[in-house]
Amino acid sequence: MNIQIVGDNYTVSTRTRFLIDTKINLRLEKLLASIPEELKIAQLKITKNKLGSFDVNFDMNLPGKEHIYAETSHVRLSSALIDLEQQLEKQIKRYKQTLANYSLS
């Protein structure tokens, strides 16, 4: 999966990339295993606001004109990524259920 990471008022470090890989990328790879690799392109934006918390949003298009978007805000980046992953997992499971229902028709 190709996740383009953008930092707004935040420098994306190697540690941040590792956190994203372990908290989001690995889980989404498992959930989206049936989708071709070239179609799995997403953008993740991390913004550190003036209060010191992290605003994180994730944007991805899937086959079938399905759009997945999630955003969260937390004081700790790792907590924000965990929350974001949970939101994405729910949306992807709904997407897969829709595909399964459609193929049964």
PDB file of N, CA and C in Angstrom:
ATOM      1  N   MET A   1       0.835  -1.172   0.000  1.00  0.00           N
ATOM      2  CA  MET A   1       0.000   0.000   0.000  1.00  0.00           C
ATOM      3  C   MET A   1       0.880   1.234   0.000  1.00  0.00           C
ATOM      4  N   ASN A   2       0.494   2.195  -0.798  1.00  0.00           N
ATOM      5  CA  ASN A   2       1.253   3.433  -0.901  1.00  0.00           C
ATOM      6  C   ASN A   2       0.523   4.525  -0.132  1.00  0.00           C
ATOM      7  N   ILE A   3       1.065   4.900   1.017  1.00  0.00           N
ATOM      8  CA  ILE A   3       0.493   5.983   1.812  1.00  0.00           C
ATOM      9  C   ILE A   3       1.415   7.192   1.709  1.00  0.00           C
ATOM     10  N   GLN A   4       0.881   8.255   1.150  1.00  0.00           N
ATOM     11  CA  GLN A   4       1.632   9.501   1.048  1.00  0.00           C
ATOM     12  C   GLN A   4       1.409  10.271   2.346  1.00  0.00           C
ATOM     13  N   ILE A   5       2.494  10.536   3.059  1.00  0.00           N
ATOM     14  CA  ILE A   5       2.398  11.182   4.366  1.00  0.00           C
ATOM     15  C   ILE A   5       2.795  12.644   4.228  1.00  0.00           C
ATOM     16  N   VAL A   6       1.907  13.514   4.685  1.00  0.00           N
ATOM     17  CA  VAL A   6       2.141  14.954   4.607  1.00  0.00           C
ATOM     18  C   VAL A   6       2.109  15.513   6.022  1.00  0.00           C
ATOM     19  N   GLY A   7       3.090  16.310   6.349  1.00  0.00           N
ATOM     20  CA  GLY A   7       3.126  16.953   7.660  1.00  0.00           C
ATOM     21  C   GLY A   7       2.874  18.438   7.524  1.00  0.00           C
ATOM     22  N   ASP A   8       1.909  18.943   8.263  1.00  0.00           N
ATOM     23  CA  ASP A   8       1.598  20.370   8.276  1.00  0.00           C
ATOM     24  C   ASP A   8       1.942  20.899   9.664  1.00  0.00           C
ATOM     25  N   ASN A   9       2.960  21.729   9.738  1.00  0.00           N
ATOM     26  CA  ASN A   9       3.480  22.220  11.011  1.00  0.00           C
ATOM     27  C   ASN A   9       4.050  21.062  11.831  1.00  0.00           C
ATOM     28  N   TYR A  10       4.488  20.029  11.121  1.00  0.00           N
ATOM     29  CA  TYR A  10       5.039  18.837  11.754  1.00  0.00           C
ATOM     30  C   TYR A  10       6.012  18.174  10.784  1.00  0.00           C
ATOM     31  N   THR A  11       7.194  17.817  11.278  1.00  0.00           N
ATOM     32  CA  THR A  11       8.187  17.127  10.470  1.00  0.00           C
ATOM     33  C   THR A  11       7.987  15.628  10.617  1.00  0.00           C
ATOM     34  N   VAL A  12       7.773  14.954   9.491  1.00  0.00           N
ATOM     35  CA  VAL A  12       7.537  13.511   9.499  1.00  0.00           C
ATOM     36  C   VAL A  12       8.884  12.801   9.626  1.00  0.00           C
ATOM     37  N   SER A  13       9.103  12.190  10.775  1.00  0.00           N
ATOM     38  CA  SER A  13      10.378  11.525  11.055  1.00  0.00           C
ATOM     39  C   SER A  13      10.297  10.037  10.717  1.00  0.00           C
ATOM     40  N   THR A  14      11.413   9.356  10.854  1.00  0.00           N
ATOM     41  CA  THR A  14      11.469   7.916  10.640  1.00  0.00           C
ATOM     42  C   THR A  14      10.600   7.200  11.663  1.00  0.00           C
ATOM     43  N   ARG A  15      10.592   7.687  12.885  1.00  0.00           N
ATOM     44  CA  ARG A  15       9.759   7.099  13.933  1.00  0.00           C
ATOM     45  C   ARG A  15       8.280   7.237  13.586  1.00  0.00           C
ATOM     46  N   THR A  16       7.895   8.387  13.051  1.00  0.00           N
ATOM     47  CA  THR A  16       6.503   8.603  12.644  1.00  0.00           C
ATOM     48  C   THR A  16       6.122   7.640  11.530  1.00  0.00           C
ATOM     49  N   ARG A  17       7.011   7.467  10.557  1.00  0.00           N
ATOM     50  CA  ARG A  17       6.744   6.538   9.459  1.00  0.00           C
ATOM     51  C   ARG A  17       6.604   5.103   9.986  1.00  0.00           C
ATOM     52  N   PHE A  18       7.419   4.750  10.969  1.00  0.00           N
ATOM     53  CA  PHE A  18       7.330   3.418  11.575  1.00  0.00           C
ATOM     54  C   PHE A  18       5.981   3.240  12.289  1.00  0.00           C
ATOM     55  N   LEU A  19       5.554   4.253  13.032  1.00  0.00           N
ATOM     56  CA  LEU A  19       4.260   4.206  13.718  1.00  0.00           C
ATOM     57  C   LEU A  19       3.121   4.028  12.713  1.00  0.00           C
ATOM     58  N   ILE A  20       3.164   4.769  11.630  1.00  0.00           N
ATOM     59  CA  ILE A  20       2.123   4.675  10.605  1.00  0.00           C
ATOM     60  C   ILE A  20       2.138   3.290   9.970  1.00  0.00           C
ATOM     61  N   ASP A  21       3.331   2.771   9.733  1.00  0.00           N
ATOM     62  CA  ASP A  21       3.447   1.444   9.128  1.00  0.00           C
ATOM     63  C   ASP A  21       2.873   0.369  10.053  1.00  0.00           C
ATOM     64  N   THR A  22       3.179   0.451  11.344  1.00  0.00           N
ATOM     65  CA  THR A  22       2.718  -0.582  12.270  1.00  0.00           C
ATOM     66  C   THR A  22       1.262  -0.410  12.676  1.00  0.00           C
ATOM     67  N   LYS A  23       0.801   0.816  12.841  1.00  0.00           N
ATOM     68  CA  LYS A  23      -0.558   1.048  13.325  1.00  0.00           C
ATOM     69  C   LYS A  23      -1.606   1.031  12.207  1.00  0.00           C
ATOM     70  N   ILE A  24      -1.234   1.457  11.009  1.00  0.00           N
ATOM     71  CA  ILE A  24      -2.230   1.596   9.941  1.00  0.00           C
ATOM     72  C   ILE A  24      -1.930   0.716   8.741  1.00  0.00           C
ATOM     73  N   ASN A  25      -0.754   0.849   8.188  1.00  0.00           N
ATOM     74  CA  ASN A  25      -0.437   0.185   6.920  1.00  0.00           C
ATOM     75  C   ASN A  25      -0.583  -1.331   6.987  1.00  0.00           C
ATOM     76  N   LEU A  26      -0.028  -1.963   7.994  1.00  0.00           N
ATOM     77  CA  LEU A  26      -0.095  -3.428   8.085  1.00  0.00           C
ATOM     78  C   LEU A  26      -1.531  -3.920   8.204  1.00  0.00           C
ATOM     79  N   ARG A  27      -2.330  -3.237   9.010  1.00  0.00           N
ATOM     80  CA  ARG A  27      -3.731  -3.647   9.198  1.00  0.00           C
ATOM     81  C   ARG A  27      -4.544  -3.449   7.918  1.00  0.00           C
ATOM     82  N   LEU A  28      -4.342  -2.328   7.243  1.00  0.00           N
ATOM     83  CA  LEU A  28      -5.089  -2.072   6.013  1.00  0.00           C
ATOM     84  C   LEU A  28      -4.674  -3.026   4.898  1.00  0.00           C
ATOM     85  N   GLU A  29      -3.411  -3.410   4.886  1.00  0.00           N
ATOM     86  CA  GLU A  29      -2.946  -4.392   3.892  1.00  0.00           C
ATOM     87  C   GLU A  29      -3.726  -5.697   4.029  1.00  0.00           C
ATOM     88  N   LYS A  30      -3.944  -6.127   5.262  1.00  0.00           N
ATOM     89  CA  LYS A  30      -4.695  -7.365   5.494  1.00  0.00           C
ATOM     90  C   LYS A  30      -6.149  -7.217   5.073  1.00  0.00           C
ATOM     91  N   LEU A  31      -6.746  -6.079   5.407  1.00  0.00           N
ATOM     92  CA  LEU A  31      -8.149  -5.861   5.080  1.00  0.00           C
ATOM     93  C   LEU A  31      -8.384  -5.694   3.577  1.00  0.00           C
ATOM     94  N   LEU A  32      -7.406  -5.132   2.883  1.00  0.00           N
ATOM     95  CA  LEU A  32      -7.551  -4.853   1.458  1.00  0.00           C
ATOM     96  C   LEU A  32      -6.705  -5.781   0.586  1.00  0.00           C
ATOM     97  N   ALA A  33      -6.493  -6.994   1.048  1.00  0.00           N
ATOM     98  CA  ALA A  33      -5.627  -7.943   0.332  1.00  0.00           C
ATOM     99  C   ALA A  33      -6.147  -8.267  -1.062  1.00  0.00           C
ATOM    100  N   SER A  34      -7.450  -8.224  -1.267  1.00  0.00           N
ATOM    101  CA  SER A  34      -8.026  -8.590  -2.572  1.00  0.00           C
ATOM    102  C   SER A  34      -7.940  -7.474  -3.608  1.00  0.00           C
ATOM    103  N   ILE A  35      -7.569  -6.280  -3.197  1.00  0.00           N
ATOM    104  CA  ILE A  35      -7.474  -5.141  -4.121  1.00  0.00           C
ATOM    105  C   ILE A  35      -6.053  -5.067  -4.673  1.00  0.00           C
ATOM    106  N   PRO A  36      -5.919  -4.862  -5.997  1.00  0.00           N
ATOM    107  CA  PRO A  36      -4.576  -4.764  -6.599  1.00  0.00           C
ATOM    108  C   PRO A  36      -3.743  -3.651  -5.959  1.00  0.00           C
ATOM    109  N   GLU A  37      -2.470  -3.893  -5.846  1.00  0.00           N
ATOM    110  CA  GLU A  37      -1.545  -2.975  -5.173  1.00  0.00           C
ATOM    111  C   GLU A  37      -1.551  -1.572  -5.791  1.00  0.00           C
ATOM    112  N   GLU A  38      -1.665  -1.482  -7.105  1.00  0.00           N
ATOM    113  CA  GLU A  38      -1.614  -0.173  -7.773  1.00  0.00           C
ATOM    114  C   GLU A  38      -2.848   0.684  -7.476  1.00  0.00           C
ATOM    115  N   LEU A  39      -3.899   0.089  -6.944  1.00  0.00           N
ATOM    116  CA  LEU A  39      -5.107   0.843  -6.612  1.00  0.00           C
ATOM    117  C   LEU A  39      -5.141   1.274  -5.143  1.00  0.00           C
ATOM    118  N   LYS A  40      -4.198   0.805  -4.369  1.00  0.00           N
ATOM    119  CA  LYS A  40      -4.167   1.137  -2.940  1.00  0.00           C
ATOM    120  C   LYS A  40      -3.243   2.327  -2.699  1.00  0.00           C
ATOM    121  N   ILE A  41      -3.781   3.510  -2.983  1.00  0.00           N
ATOM    122  CA  ILE A  41      -3.041   4.759  -2.791  1.00  0.00           C
ATOM    123  C   ILE A  41      -3.848   5.637  -1.844  1.00  0.00           C
ATOM    124  N   ALA A  42      -3.199   6.134  -0.814  1.00  0.00           N
ATOM    125  CA  ALA A  42      -3.885   6.943   0.186  1.00  0.00           C
ATOM    126  C   ALA A  42      -3.021   8.131   0.583  1.00  0.00           C
ATOM    127  N   GLN A  43      -3.669   9.108   1.184  1.00  0.00           N
ATOM    128  CA  GLN A  43      -2.946  10.256   1.713  1.00  0.00           C
ATOM    129  C   GLN A  43      -3.265  10.395   3.191  1.00  0.00           C
ATOM    130  N   LEU A  44      -2.233  10.569   3.992  1.00  0.00           N
ATOM    131  CA  LEU A  44      -2.381  10.762   5.423  1.00  0.00           C
ATOM    132  C   LEU A  44      -1.747  12.107   5.765  1.00  0.00           C
ATOM    133  N   LYS A  45      -2.516  12.967   6.410  1.00  0.00           N
ATOM    134  CA  LYS A  45      -2.015  14.295   6.756  1.00  0.00           C
ATOM    135  C   LYS A  45      -1.969  14.437   8.268  1.00  0.00           C
ATOM    136  N   ILE A  46      -0.816  14.854   8.765  1.00  0.00           N
ATOM    137  CA  ILE A  46      -0.616  15.066  10.196  1.00  0.00           C
ATOM    138  C   ILE A  46      -0.391  16.556  10.424  1.00  0.00           C
ATOM    139  N   THR A  47      -1.215  17.138  11.271  1.00  0.00           N
ATOM    140  CA  THR A  47      -1.087  18.554  11.604  1.00  0.00           C
ATOM    141  C   THR A  47      -0.913  18.674  13.110  1.00  0.00           C
ATOM    142  N   LYS A  48       0.095  19.415  13.510  1.00  0.00           N
ATOM    143  CA  LYS A  48       0.278  19.693  14.937  1.00  0.00           C
ATOM    144  C   LYS A  48      -0.240  21.097  15.184  1.00  0.00           C
ATOM    145  N   ASN A  49      -1.321  21.185  15.966  1.00  0.00           N
ATOM    146  CA  ASN A  49      -1.918  22.501  16.172  1.00  0.00           C
ATOM    147  C   ASN A  49      -1.227  23.252  17.305  1.00  0.00           C
ATOM    148  N   LYS A  50      -1.664  24.477  17.527  1.00  0.00           N
ATOM    149  CA  LYS A  50      -1.001  25.350  18.504  1.00  0.00           C
ATOM    150  C   LYS A  50      -1.129  24.862  19.942  1.00  0.00           C
ATOM    151  N   LEU A  51      -2.118  24.038  20.215  1.00  0.00           N
ATOM    152  CA  LEU A  51      -2.299  23.506  21.571  1.00  0.00           C
ATOM    153  C   LEU A  51      -1.438  22.276  21.831  1.00  0.00           C
ATOM    154  N   GLY A  52      -0.738  21.807  20.793  1.00  0.00           N
ATOM    155  CA  GLY A  52       0.158  20.671  20.962  1.00  0.00           C
ATOM    156  C   GLY A  52      -0.459  19.335  20.623  1.00  0.00           C
ATOM    157  N   SER A  53      -1.726  19.308  20.232  1.00  0.00           N
ATOM    158  CA  SER A  53      -2.338  18.033  19.865  1.00  0.00           C
ATOM    159  C   SER A  53      -2.175  17.785  18.360  1.00  0.00           C
ATOM    160  N   PHE A  54      -2.378  16.545  17.981  1.00  0.00           N
ATOM    161  CA  PHE A  54      -2.206  16.132  16.599  1.00  0.00           C
ATOM    162  C   PHE A  54      -3.569  15.922  15.938  1.00  0.00           C
ATOM    163  N   ASP A  55      -3.763  16.552  14.803  1.00  0.00           N
ATOM    164  CA  ASP A  55      -4.932  16.319  13.967  1.00  0.00           C
ATOM    165  C   ASP A  55      -4.456  15.443  12.809  1.00  0.00           C
ATOM    166  N   VAL A  56      -5.073  14.289  12.659  1.00  0.00           N
ATOM    167  CA  VAL A  56      -4.652  13.339  11.631  1.00  0.00           C
ATOM    168  C   VAL A  56      -5.862  13.013  10.763  1.00  0.00           C
ATOM    169  N   ASN A  57      -5.686  13.078   9.432  1.00  0.00           N
ATOM    170  CA  ASN A  57      -6.766  12.634   8.555  1.00  0.00           C
ATOM    171  C   ASN A  57      -6.220  11.735   7.460  1.00  0.00           C
ATOM    172  N   PHE A  58      -7.071  10.840   7.004  1.00  0.00           N
ATOM    173  CA  PHE A  58      -6.718   9.802   6.040  1.00  0.00           C
ATOM    174  C   PHE A  58      -7.747   9.846   4.926  1.00  0.00           C
ATOM    175  N   ASP A  59      -7.262   9.795   3.685  1.00  0.00           N
ATOM    176  CA  ASP A  59      -8.133   9.893   2.525  1.00  0.00           C
ATOM    177  C   ASP A  59      -7.720   8.843   1.499  1.00  0.00           C
ATOM    178  N   MET A  60      -8.704   8.056   1.017  1.00  0.00           N
ATOM    179  CA  MET A  60      -8.385   6.989   0.065  1.00  0.00           C
ATOM    180  C   MET A  60      -9.597   6.694  -0.803  1.00  0.00           C
ATOM    181  N   ASN A  61      -9.358   6.441  -2.079  1.00  0.00           N
ATOM    182  CA  ASN A  61     -10.399   5.996  -3.003  1.00  0.00           C
ATOM    183  C   ASN A  61     -10.214   4.514  -3.267  1.00  0.00           C
ATOM    184  N   LEU A  62     -11.329   3.788  -3.276  1.00  0.00           N
ATOM    185  CA  LEU A  62     -11.307   2.358  -3.543  1.00  0.00           C
ATOM    186  C   LEU A  62     -12.081   2.073  -4.824  1.00  0.00           C
ATOM    187  N   PRO A  63     -11.860   0.912  -5.432  1.00  0.00           N
ATOM    188  CA  PRO A  63     -12.617   0.553  -6.633  1.00  0.00           C
ATOM    189  C   PRO A  63     -14.124   0.601  -6.364  1.00  0.00           C
ATOM    190  N   GLY A  64     -14.873   0.962  -7.379  1.00  0.00           N
ATOM    191  CA  GLY A  64     -16.316   1.080  -7.212  1.00  0.00           C
ATOM    192  C   GLY A  64     -16.711   2.472  -6.776  1.00  0.00           C
ATOM    193  N   LYS A  65     -15.821   3.438  -6.982  1.00  0.00           N
ATOM    194  CA  LYS A  65     -16.058   4.841  -6.621  1.00  0.00           C
ATOM    195  C   LYS A  65     -16.348   5.024  -5.134  1.00  0.00           C
ATOM    196  N   GLU A  66     -15.775   4.173  -4.324  1.00  0.00           N
ATOM    197  CA  GLU A  66     -15.939   4.269  -2.875  1.00  0.00           C
ATOM    198  C   GLU A  66     -14.834   5.163  -2.311  1.00  0.00           C
ATOM    199  N   HIS A  67     -15.220   6.082  -1.451  1.00  0.00           N
ATOM    200  CA  HIS A  67     -14.285   7.022  -0.852  1.00  0.00           C
ATOM    201  C   HIS A  67     -14.236   6.759   0.648  1.00  0.00           C
ATOM    202  N   ILE A  68     -13.039   6.609   1.185  1.00  0.00           N
ATOM    203  CA  ILE A  68     -12.859   6.383   2.617  1.00  0.00           C
ATOM    204  C   ILE A  68     -12.125   7.594   3.179  1.00  0.00           C
ATOM    205  N   TYR A  69     -12.703   8.156   4.227  1.00  0.00           N
ATOM    206  CA  TYR A  69     -12.104   9.318   4.871  1.00  0.00           C
ATOM    207  C   TYR A  69     -12.312   9.195   6.375  1.00  0.00           C
ATOM    208  N   ALA A  70     -11.268   9.465   7.127  1.00  0.00           N
ATOM    209  CA  ALA A  70     -11.364   9.453   8.587  1.00  0.00           C
ATOM    210  C   ALA A  70     -10.447  10.536   9.138  1.00  0.00           C
ATOM    211  N   GLU A  71     -10.865  11.100  10.250  1.00  0.00           N
ATOM    212  CA  GLU A  71     -10.022  12.100  10.907  1.00  0.00           C
ATOM    213  C   GLU A  71     -10.196  11.992  12.413  1.00  0.00           C
ATOM    214  N   THR A  72      -9.154  12.387  13.109  1.00  0.00           N
ATOM    215  CA  THR A  72      -9.174  12.334  14.569  1.00  0.00           C
ATOM    216  C   THR A  72      -8.186  13.359  15.115  1.00  0.00           C
ATOM    217  N   SER A  73      -8.287  13.612  16.403  1.00  0.00           N
ATOM    218  CA  SER A  73      -7.391  14.542  17.067  1.00  0.00           C
ATOM    219  C   SER A  73      -7.087  14.010  18.466  1.00  0.00           C
ATOM    220  N   HIS A  74      -5.794  13.945  18.798  1.00  0.00           N
ATOM    221  CA  HIS A  74      -5.356  13.472  20.115  1.00  0.00           C
ATOM    222  C   HIS A  74      -4.072  14.193  20.506  1.00  0.00           C
ATOM    223  N   VAL A  75      -3.776  14.158  21.785  1.00  0.00           N
ATOM    224  CA  VAL A  75      -2.539  14.755  22.286  1.00  0.00           C
ATOM    225  C   VAL A  75      -1.337  13.911  21.871  1.00  0.00           C
ATOM    226  N   ARG A  76      -1.514  12.588  21.853  1.00  0.00           N
ATOM    227  CA  ARG A  76      -0.428  11.683  21.454  1.00  0.00           C
ATOM    228  C   ARG A  76      -0.664  11.196  20.035  1.00  0.00           C
ATOM    229  N   LEU A  77       0.367  11.202  19.227  1.00  0.00           N
ATOM    230  CA  LEU A  77       0.251  10.769  17.841  1.00  0.00           C
ATOM    231  C   LEU A  77      -0.130   9.295  17.750  1.00  0.00           C
ATOM    232  N   SER A  78       0.449   8.458  18.590  1.00  0.00           N
ATOM    233  CA  SER A  78       0.127   7.027  18.539  1.00  0.00           C
ATOM    234  C   SER A  78      -1.351   6.778  18.848  1.00  0.00           C
ATOM    235  N   SER A  79      -1.921   7.516  19.773  1.00  0.00           N
ATOM    236  CA  SER A  79      -3.351   7.386  20.085  1.00  0.00           C
ATOM    237  C   SER A  79      -4.201   7.825  18.904  1.00  0.00           C
ATOM    238  N   ALA A  80      -3.788   8.884  18.245  1.00  0.00           N
ATOM    239  CA  ALA A  80      -4.518   9.354  17.064  1.00  0.00           C
ATOM    240  C   ALA A  80      -4.489   8.303  15.960  1.00  0.00           C
ATOM    241  N   LEU A  81      -3.348   7.657  15.768  1.00  0.00           N
ATOM    242  CA  LEU A  81      -3.228   6.641  14.723  1.00  0.00           C
ATOM    243  C   LEU A  81      -4.067   5.402  15.040  1.00  0.00           C
ATOM    244  N   ILE A  82      -4.132   5.021  16.310  1.00  0.00           N
ATOM    245  CA  ILE A  82      -4.960   3.875  16.703  1.00  0.00           C
ATOM    246  C   ILE A  82      -6.433   4.185  16.458  1.00  0.00           C
ATOM    247  N   ASP A  83      -6.872   5.366  16.859  1.00  0.00           N
ATOM    248  CA  ASP A  83      -8.257   5.768  16.640  1.00  0.00           C
ATOM    249  C   ASP A  83      -8.579   5.827  15.148  1.00  0.00           C
ATOM    250  N   LEU A  84      -7.659   6.368  14.384  1.00  0.00           N
ATOM    251  CA  LEU A  84      -7.843   6.461  12.934  1.00  0.00           C
ATOM    252  C   LEU A  84      -7.964   5.069  12.319  1.00  0.00           C
ATOM    253  N   GLU A  85      -7.121   4.144  12.749  1.00  0.00           N
ATOM    254  CA  GLU A  85      -7.159   2.773  12.220  1.00  0.00           C
ATOM    255  C   GLU A  85      -8.496   2.112  12.521  1.00  0.00           C
ATOM    256  N   GLN A  86      -9.041   2.339  13.694  1.00  0.00           N
ATOM    257  CA  GLN A  86     -10.329   1.755  14.051  1.00  0.00           C
ATOM    258  C   GLN A  86     -11.451   2.311  13.173  1.00  0.00           C
ATOM    259  N   GLN A  87     -11.423   3.598  12.909  1.00  0.00           N
ATOM    260  CA  GLN A  87     -12.417   4.206  12.024  1.00  0.00           C
ATOM    261  C   GLN A  87     -12.318   3.637  10.609  1.00  0.00           C
ATOM    262  N   LEU A  88     -11.090   3.505  10.128  1.00  0.00           N
ATOM    263  CA  LEU A  88     -10.881   2.987   8.780  1.00  0.00           C
ATOM    264  C   LEU A  88     -11.320   1.529   8.669  1.00  0.00           C
ATOM    265  N   GLU A  89     -11.030   0.747   9.688  1.00  0.00           N
ATOM    266  CA  GLU A  89     -11.409  -0.662   9.681  1.00  0.00           C
ATOM    267  C   GLU A  89     -12.928  -0.813   9.556  1.00  0.00           C
ATOM    268  N   LYS A  90     -13.688  -0.007  10.283  1.00  0.00           N
ATOM    269  CA  LYS A  90     -15.146  -0.055  10.194  1.00  0.00           C
ATOM    270  C   LYS A  90     -15.622   0.271   8.779  1.00  0.00           C
ATOM    271  N   GLN A  91     -15.045   1.304   8.193  1.00  0.00           N
ATOM    272  CA  GLN A  91     -15.454   1.711   6.846  1.00  0.00           C
ATOM    273  C   GLN A  91     -15.108   0.655   5.804  1.00  0.00           C
ATOM    274  N   ILE A  92     -13.937   0.064   5.926  1.00  0.00           N
ATOM    275  CA  ILE A  92     -13.513  -0.953   4.961  1.00  0.00           C
ATOM    276  C   ILE A  92     -14.362  -2.202   5.096  1.00  0.00           C
ATOM    277  N   LYS A  93     -14.702  -2.588   6.316  1.00  0.00           N
ATOM    278  CA  LYS A  93     -15.573  -3.755   6.501  1.00  0.00           C
ATOM    279  C   LYS A  93     -16.949  -3.500   5.904  1.00  0.00           C
ATOM    280  N   ARG A  94     -17.464  -2.275   6.044  1.00  0.00           N
ATOM    281  CA  ARG A  94     -18.742  -1.914   5.427  1.00  0.00           C
ATOM    282  C   ARG A  94     -18.647  -1.985   3.901  1.00  0.00           C
ATOM    283  N   TYR A  95     -17.527  -1.489   3.365  1.00  0.00           N
ATOM    284  CA  TYR A  95     -17.276  -1.525   1.921  1.00  0.00           C
ATOM    285  C   TYR A  95     -17.240  -2.969   1.416  1.00  0.00           C
ATOM    286  N   LYS A  96     -16.524  -3.838   2.122  1.00  0.00           N
ATOM    287  CA  LYS A  96     -16.426  -5.241   1.713  1.00  0.00           C
ATOM    288  C   LYS A  96     -17.777  -5.943   1.810  1.00  0.00           C
ATOM    289  N   GLN A  97     -18.568  -5.603   2.830  1.00  0.00           N
ATOM    290  CA  GLN A  97     -19.903  -6.188   2.970  1.00  0.00           C
ATOM    291  C   GLN A  97     -20.792  -5.759   1.803  1.00  0.00           C
ATOM    292  N   THR A  98     -20.680  -4.504   1.400  1.00  0.00           N
ATOM    293  CA  THR A  98     -21.450  -4.012   0.254  1.00  0.00           C
ATOM    294  C   THR A  98     -21.059  -4.765  -1.007  1.00  0.00           C
ATOM    295  N   LEU A  99     -19.770  -4.995  -1.199  1.00  0.00           N
ATOM    296  CA  LEU A  99     -19.310  -5.751  -2.368  1.00  0.00           C
ATOM    297  C   LEU A  99     -19.826  -7.176  -2.332  1.00  0.00           C
ATOM    298  N   ALA A 100     -19.801  -7.788  -1.156  1.00  0.00           N
ATOM    299  CA  ALA A 100     -20.283  -9.160  -1.020  1.00  0.00           C
ATOM    300  C   ALA A 100     -21.777  -9.235  -1.318  1.00  0.00           C
ATOM    301  N   ASN A 101     -22.549  -8.286  -0.809  1.00  0.00           N
ATOM    302  CA  ASN A 101     -23.987  -8.265  -1.063  1.00  0.00           C
ATOM    303  C   ASN A 101     -24.279  -8.050  -2.544  1.00  0.00           C
ATOM    304  N   TYR A 102     -23.476  -7.206  -3.181  1.00  0.00           N
ATOM    305  CA  TYR A 102     -23.668  -6.914  -4.602  1.00  0.00           C
ATOM    306  C   TYR A 102     -23.366  -8.145  -5.456  1.00  0.00           C
ATOM    307  N   SER A 103     -22.319  -8.877  -5.097  1.00  0.00           N
ATOM    308  CA  SER A 103     -21.929 -10.052  -5.901  1.00  0.00           C
ATOM    309  C   SER A 103     -22.924 -11.201  -5.735  1.00  0.00           C
ATOM    310  N   LEU A 104     -23.659 -11.221  -4.615  1.00  0.00           N
ATOM    311  CA  LEU A 104     -24.659 -12.264  -4.404  1.00  0.00           C
ATOM    312  C   LEU A 104     -25.933 -12.009  -5.223  1.00  0.00           C
ATOM    313  N   SER A 105     -26.148 -10.770  -5.598  1.00  0.00           N
ATOM    314  CA  SER A 105     -27.362 -10.424  -6.348  1.00  0.00           C
ATOM    315  C   SER A 105     -27.331 -10.929  -7.758  1.00  0.00           C
TER     316      SER A 105
END
